[in-house]
Protein backbone atom coordinates (compact mmCIF):
# COMPACT_ATOMS: atom_id res chain seq x y z
CA UNK A 1 13.55 -28.99 -24.86
CA UNK A 2 9.96 -29.95 -25.67
CA UNK A 3 9.01 -26.29 -26.11
CA UNK A 4 12.02 -25.73 -28.38
CA UNK A 5 11.04 -28.70 -30.57
CA UNK A 6 7.48 -27.40 -30.82
CA UNK A 7 8.76 -23.97 -31.85
CA UNK A 8 10.98 -25.55 -34.48
CA UNK A 9 8.01 -27.42 -35.92
CA UNK A 10 5.96 -24.23 -36.06
CA UNK A 11 8.72 -22.36 -37.89
CA UNK A 12 9.23 -25.29 -40.26
CA UNK A 13 5.52 -25.26 -41.11
CA UNK A 14 5.52 -21.49 -41.62
CA UNK A 15 8.54 -21.66 -43.92
CA UNK A 16 7.03 -24.57 -45.86
CA UNK A 17 3.82 -22.64 -46.48
CA UNK A 18 5.71 -19.48 -47.42
CA UNK A 19 7.80 -21.44 -49.92
CA UNK A 20 4.64 -22.91 -51.42
CA UNK A 21 3.27 -19.41 -51.97
CA UNK A 22 6.33 -17.46 -53.14
CA UNK A 23 9.04 -20.05 -53.85
CA UNK A 24 12.57 -18.73 -54.26
CA UNK A 25 11.39 -15.18 -53.64
CA UNK A 26 11.88 -15.99 -49.94
CA UNK A 27 15.52 -15.20 -49.14
CA UNK A 28 15.71 -15.53 -45.37
CA UNK A 29 13.61 -15.99 -42.22
CA UNK A 30 15.11 -14.52 -39.06
CA UNK A 31 13.86 -14.88 -35.49
CA UNK A 32 14.86 -12.09 -33.11
CA UNK A 33 13.98 -10.72 -29.70
CA UNK A 34 15.26 -10.95 -26.16
CA UNK A 35 13.99 -10.70 -22.60
CA UNK A 36 10.93 -8.51 -22.38
CA UNK A 37 10.20 -8.86 -26.08
CA UNK A 38 8.13 -11.35 -28.09
CA UNK A 39 9.70 -13.75 -30.53
CA UNK A 40 9.72 -11.40 -33.49
CA UNK A 41 10.13 -12.55 -37.04
CA UNK A 42 11.77 -10.94 -40.07
CA UNK A 43 11.02 -12.13 -43.60
CA UNK A 44 13.51 -11.10 -46.27
CA UNK A 45 12.37 -11.35 -49.88
CA UNK A 46 13.83 -10.54 -53.28
CA UNK A 47 10.61 -8.88 -54.39
CA UNK A 48 7.88 -7.39 -52.23
CA UNK A 49 5.10 -5.83 -54.29
CA UNK A 50 1.34 -5.81 -53.75
CA UNK A 51 0.87 -9.20 -55.39
CA UNK A 52 3.43 -10.79 -53.06
CA UNK A 53 1.69 -9.26 -50.04
CA UNK A 54 -1.56 -10.85 -51.15
CA UNK A 55 0.18 -14.20 -51.65
CA UNK A 56 1.60 -14.34 -48.14
CA UNK A 57 -1.28 -12.63 -46.31
CA UNK A 58 -3.29 -15.87 -45.68
CA UNK A 59 -0.19 -17.60 -44.30
CA UNK A 60 0.58 -14.69 -41.93
CA UNK A 61 -3.01 -14.53 -40.70
CA UNK A 62 -3.13 -18.28 -40.13
CA UNK A 63 0.05 -18.32 -38.05
CA UNK A 64 -0.83 -15.13 -36.18
CA UNK A 65 -3.73 -17.07 -34.69
CA UNK A 66 -1.13 -19.47 -33.27
CA UNK A 67 0.59 -16.70 -31.36
CA UNK A 68 2.99 -15.28 -33.95
CA UNK A 69 3.33 -11.52 -34.15
CA UNK A 70 3.01 -9.90 -37.57
CA UNK A 71 6.46 -10.27 -39.18
CA UNK A 72 8.66 -7.48 -40.42
CA UNK A 73 8.90 -7.55 -44.19
CA UNK A 74 11.92 -6.28 -46.10
CA UNK A 75 13.45 -6.87 -49.49
CA UNK A 76 17.12 -7.77 -49.48
CA UNK A 77 17.90 -4.46 -51.13
CA UNK A 78 15.92 -2.50 -48.52
CA UNK A 79 17.86 -4.12 -45.69
CA UNK A 80 21.16 -2.77 -46.98
CA UNK A 81 19.82 0.58 -48.21
CA UNK A 82 17.90 1.25 -44.99
CA UNK A 83 20.74 0.83 -42.50
CA UNK A 84 21.29 4.60 -42.37
CA UNK A 85 17.57 5.33 -41.88
CA UNK A 86 16.63 2.63 -39.36
CA UNK A 87 19.92 1.83 -37.58
CA UNK A 88 18.31 1.15 -34.17
CA UNK A 89 15.69 -1.18 -35.65
CA UNK A 90 18.41 -3.10 -37.47
CA UNK A 91 20.60 -3.17 -34.37
CA UNK A 92 17.64 -4.63 -32.46
CA UNK A 93 17.36 -7.38 -35.08
CA UNK A 94 21.09 -8.09 -35.06
CA UNK A 95 21.25 -8.55 -31.30
CA UNK A 96 20.25 -11.23 -30.76
CA UNK A 97 18.97 -13.11 -33.79
CA UNK A 98 18.82 -16.56 -35.31
CA UNK A 99 18.42 -17.34 -38.99
CA UNK A 100 15.90 -20.18 -39.17
CA UNK A 101 15.85 -20.36 -42.97
CA UNK A 102 17.95 -19.27 -45.92
CA UNK A 103 20.77 -16.80 -46.23
CA UNK A 104 22.56 -15.46 -43.15
CA UNK A 105 22.00 -11.87 -44.18
CA UNK A 106 21.77 -9.92 -40.92
CA UNK A 107 25.47 -10.15 -40.05
CA UNK A 108 26.27 -8.49 -43.39
CA UNK A 109 24.45 -5.28 -42.46
CA UNK A 110 26.92 -2.57 -41.45
CA UNK A 111 25.84 0.22 -39.11
CA UNK A 112 27.36 3.68 -38.81
CA UNK A 113 27.78 5.24 -35.34
CA UNK A 114 26.78 8.67 -36.64
CA UNK A 115 23.47 7.30 -37.89
CA UNK A 116 22.88 5.49 -34.59
CA UNK A 117 23.63 8.61 -32.53
CA UNK A 118 21.28 10.72 -34.64
CA UNK A 119 18.37 8.30 -34.31
CA UNK A 120 19.04 7.85 -30.59
CA UNK A 121 18.63 11.56 -29.96
CA UNK A 122 15.38 11.58 -31.93
CA UNK A 123 14.02 8.53 -30.09
CA UNK A 124 14.84 9.76 -26.59
CA UNK A 125 13.27 13.14 -27.33
CA UNK A 126 10.20 11.47 -28.88
CA UNK A 127 9.68 9.08 -25.98
CA UNK A 128 9.99 11.94 -23.51
CA UNK A 129 7.30 13.92 -25.37
CA UNK A 130 5.13 10.80 -25.65
CA UNK A 131 5.38 10.09 -21.90
CA UNK A 132 4.48 13.65 -20.95
CA UNK A 133 1.46 13.74 -23.25
CA UNK A 134 0.16 10.36 -22.14
CA UNK A 135 0.54 11.25 -18.46
CA UNK A 136 -1.61 14.35 -18.92
CA UNK A 137 -4.39 12.43 -20.67
CA UNK A 138 -4.46 9.31 -18.48
CA UNK A 139 -7.28 9.23 -15.92
CA UNK A 140 -7.02 5.80 -14.28
CA UNK A 141 -4.24 4.18 -12.25
CA UNK A 142 -4.28 1.00 -14.35
CA UNK A 143 -3.66 2.98 -17.52
CA UNK A 144 -0.74 4.73 -15.86
CA UNK A 145 0.67 1.42 -14.70
CA UNK A 146 0.32 -0.03 -18.22
CA UNK A 147 2.07 3.02 -19.66
CA UNK A 148 5.07 2.51 -17.38
CA UNK A 149 5.29 -1.24 -18.00
CA UNK A 150 5.12 -0.82 -21.76
CA UNK A 151 7.92 1.76 -21.68
CA UNK A 152 10.65 -0.67 -20.60
CA UNK A 153 10.74 -3.00 -23.65
CA UNK A 154 10.67 -0.02 -26.03
CA UNK A 155 13.89 1.27 -24.46
CA UNK A 156 15.86 -1.90 -25.18
CA UNK A 157 16.79 -1.02 -28.80
CA UNK A 158 17.89 2.40 -27.57
CA UNK A 159 20.11 0.84 -24.92
CA UNK A 160 21.58 -1.47 -27.56
CA UNK A 161 22.37 1.69 -29.49
CA UNK A 162 23.99 3.39 -26.50
CA UNK A 163 26.32 0.44 -25.94
CA UNK A 164 27.03 0.18 -29.69
CA UNK A 165 28.32 3.76 -29.60
CA UNK A 166 30.75 2.69 -26.85
CA UNK A 167 31.82 -0.40 -28.79
CA UNK A 168 30.36 -2.69 -26.11
CA UNK A 169 28.53 -5.91 -26.87
CA UNK A 170 25.13 -5.71 -25.21
CA UNK A 171 23.74 -8.56 -23.09
CA UNK A 172 20.32 -9.96 -23.98
CA UNK A 173 18.88 -9.80 -20.45
CA UNK A 174 17.37 -6.61 -19.09
CA UNK A 175 19.26 -6.47 -15.80
CA UNK A 176 22.60 -6.82 -17.55
CA UNK A 177 21.59 -4.21 -20.09
CA UNK A 178 20.56 -1.74 -17.38
CA UNK A 179 23.78 -2.34 -15.49
CA UNK A 180 26.09 -1.67 -18.47
CA UNK A 181 24.24 1.42 -19.65
CA UNK A 182 24.16 2.86 -16.11
CA UNK A 183 27.88 2.21 -15.69
CA UNK A 184 29.02 3.58 -19.05
CA UNK A 185 26.73 6.62 -19.15
CA UNK A 186 26.71 7.47 -15.43
CA UNK A 187 22.92 7.39 -15.14
CA UNK A 188 20.72 5.88 -12.45
CA UNK A 189 18.35 3.32 -14.00
CA UNK A 190 16.87 1.94 -10.78
CA UNK A 191 13.45 3.19 -11.86
CA UNK A 192 13.48 0.75 -14.80
CA UNK A 193 14.32 -2.13 -12.49
CA UNK A 194 11.39 -1.22 -10.25
CA UNK A 195 9.01 -1.02 -13.21
CA UNK A 196 10.26 -4.38 -14.43
CA UNK A 197 9.61 -5.85 -10.97
CA UNK A 198 6.04 -4.52 -10.99
CA UNK A 199 5.37 -6.44 -14.18
CA UNK A 200 7.15 -9.66 -13.21
CA UNK A 201 5.70 -9.92 -9.71
CA UNK A 202 2.35 -8.26 -10.55
CA UNK A 203 2.81 -5.89 -7.66
CA UNK A 204 0.05 -3.59 -6.51
CA UNK A 205 1.04 0.06 -6.63
CA UNK A 206 -0.50 3.19 -5.20
CA UNK A 207 -1.31 6.23 -7.31
CA UNK A 208 1.36 8.27 -5.53
CA UNK A 209 3.98 5.63 -6.35
CA UNK A 210 3.01 5.54 -10.02
CA UNK A 211 3.26 9.31 -10.25
CA UNK A 212 6.72 9.21 -8.68
CA UNK A 213 7.75 6.52 -11.21
CA UNK A 214 6.61 8.73 -14.08
CA UNK A 215 8.59 11.63 -12.63
CA UNK A 216 11.75 9.51 -12.40
CA UNK A 217 11.30 8.06 -15.89
CA UNK A 218 10.88 11.53 -17.36
CA UNK A 219 14.17 12.46 -15.69
CA UNK A 220 15.97 9.43 -17.15
CA UNK A 221 14.73 10.11 -20.69
CA UNK A 222 15.65 13.80 -20.44
CA UNK A 223 19.14 13.01 -19.10
CA UNK A 224 19.89 10.41 -21.78
CA UNK A 225 18.62 12.75 -24.50
CA UNK A 226 21.01 15.44 -23.31
CA UNK A 227 23.92 13.00 -23.08
CA UNK A 228 23.40 11.77 -26.64
CA UNK A 229 22.96 15.33 -27.92
CA UNK A 230 26.37 16.29 -26.53
CA UNK A 231 28.20 13.24 -27.89
CA UNK A 232 30.81 13.93 -30.56
CA UNK A 233 31.05 11.16 -33.15
């Protein structure tokens, strides 16, 4: 409870300073993120030109020093016009999220399954290519371990998308997310659970193990890419 009150105070101070700089141009402040992700922040504005960026830049820098990540910035118009271009990013914001100031705008964004499927195929293919390239260039075990650990959180929005295509509400915890995706898409995601355990328990891993993990992860990404490619929506 104490931590929650402290967080509330921090958000209240941020919003107060934003209002002092841009006034009613600030439409909404939305906190989002789940297990394995930081507490991300979305700022929705009516107008977002270069002058506005300069107005809010000192506030963002000040609060970043307190542990905030750099917020996402959208105009209200961009949120609704961009749903077909960035459906997975918007789905990630929608689930879960909490509006800490202003208009409850996120629930009004409508996503199309065709747009989600298209971006999913692109993302799975891209992550597969990225993993292959990074594996070839990496020289040290620690870098390989970091590559694997960083891969898990980046898959969460994609898994949200997979469950969205099935009309299933996604849980906000990783284990539940893995379980539902594995069940509904008939894929083995044990490798992701093992990578998650390495991070949580700070386990030591041998080079041979890390290589095997990369091999399994490449297989998972390739399989999911093929599954999405063959989906008819």
